[in-house]
Amino acid sequence: MGVILDTLKNALQQMDEASRKLATEELERVEKLYYNGRIDGQDAFFMALGVAWFYVMPLWPRDVGNLARALGVDLERIGY
């Protein structure tokens, strides 16, 4: 889960300072909920993905590739 959250945080580098700060705070809240055992990995993933869609969209192609690798998905093999 840490790799996924770190990948999403790296995607924030393309944003302006104010939006990046808000999105980072939200991702850190998700991370805290996960590590405190209040939500499971699946919930944390979808919550973090929701933060990315809300603040980062569109995700940059490099970040999508990093996220896919973190999830174990080979985009080239499936034709992307």
Protein backbone atom coordinates (compact mmCIF):
# COMPACT_ATOMS: atom_id res chain seq x y z
CA MET A 1 0.00 0.00 0.00
CA GLY A 2 2.89 2.35 0.73
CA VAL A 3 4.17 2.08 -2.86
CA ILE A 4 0.75 3.02 -4.21
CA LEU A 5 0.42 6.03 -1.92
CA ASP A 6 3.98 7.14 -2.73
CA THR A 7 3.24 6.86 -6.46
CA LEU A 8 0.18 9.05 -6.08
CA LYS A 9 2.14 11.57 -4.01
CA ASN A 10 4.77 11.72 -6.78
CA ALA A 11 2.03 12.56 -9.26
CA LEU A 12 1.33 15.68 -7.23
CA GLN A 13 4.65 17.22 -8.29
CA GLN A 14 2.99 18.48 -11.49
CA MET A 15 0.46 20.60 -9.57
CA ASP A 16 0.52 24.14 -8.26
CA GLU A 17 1.58 24.59 -4.63
CA ALA A 18 -1.89 25.14 -3.09
CA SER A 19 -3.50 22.14 -4.78
CA ARG A 20 -0.47 19.95 -4.05
CA LYS A 21 -0.67 20.82 -0.35
CA LEU A 22 -4.38 19.94 -0.15
CA ALA A 23 -3.98 16.68 -2.04
CA THR A 24 -0.95 15.64 0.02
CA GLU A 25 -2.86 16.28 3.24
CA GLU A 26 -5.73 14.11 2.00
CA LEU A 27 -3.39 11.28 0.98
CA GLU A 28 -1.72 11.45 4.38
CA ARG A 29 -5.13 11.13 6.06
CA VAL A 30 -5.83 8.00 4.02
CA GLU A 31 -2.39 6.67 4.92
CA LYS A 32 -2.99 7.31 8.62
CA LEU A 33 -6.37 5.54 8.52
CA TYR A 34 -4.76 2.55 6.83
CA TYR A 35 -1.78 2.27 9.17
CA ASN A 36 -4.00 2.72 12.24
CA GLY A 37 -6.08 -0.24 11.07
CA ARG A 38 -9.29 1.76 10.65
CA ILE A 39 -9.61 0.83 6.96
CA ASP A 40 -8.31 -2.13 4.98
CA GLY A 41 -6.01 -2.05 1.96
CA GLN A 42 -8.80 -2.12 -0.58
CA ASP A 43 -10.59 0.83 1.03
CA ALA A 44 -7.31 2.75 1.30
CA PHE A 45 -6.55 2.12 -2.36
CA PHE A 46 -9.90 3.41 -3.57
CA MET A 47 -9.83 6.38 -1.21
CA ALA A 48 -6.34 7.32 -2.46
CA LEU A 49 -7.43 6.85 -6.05
CA GLY A 50 -10.38 9.14 -5.38
CA VAL A 51 -8.01 11.80 -4.03
CA ALA A 52 -5.89 11.47 -7.17
CA TRP A 53 -8.89 11.80 -9.44
CA PHE A 54 -10.17 14.79 -7.54
CA TYR A 55 -6.88 16.70 -7.32
CA VAL A 56 -4.53 15.30 -9.97
CA MET A 57 -6.70 14.51 -12.98
CA PRO A 58 -5.58 14.10 -15.56
CA LEU A 59 -2.86 11.80 -14.25
CA TRP A 60 0.30 12.08 -16.28
CA PRO A 61 1.10 8.98 -18.40
CA ARG A 62 4.30 8.32 -16.43
CA ASP A 63 2.33 8.27 -13.17
CA VAL A 64 -0.24 5.89 -14.59
CA GLY A 65 2.60 3.59 -15.61
CA ASN A 66 4.15 3.79 -12.13
CA LEU A 67 0.81 3.06 -10.51
CA ALA A 68 0.23 0.10 -12.83
CA ARG A 69 3.67 -1.33 -11.99
CA ALA A 70 2.96 -0.90 -8.25
CA LEU A 71 -0.24 -2.90 -8.75
CA GLY A 72 1.58 -5.57 -10.72
CA VAL A 73 -0.08 -4.72 -14.05
CA ASP A 74 2.03 -4.95 -17.22
CA LEU A 75 0.45 -2.29 -19.46
CA GLU A 76 2.56 -3.26 -22.48
CA ARG A 77 1.40 -6.86 -22.25
CA ILE A 78 -2.26 -5.84 -22.28
CA GLY A 79 -1.75 -3.44 -25.17
CA TYR A 80 -1.45 0.02 -23.59
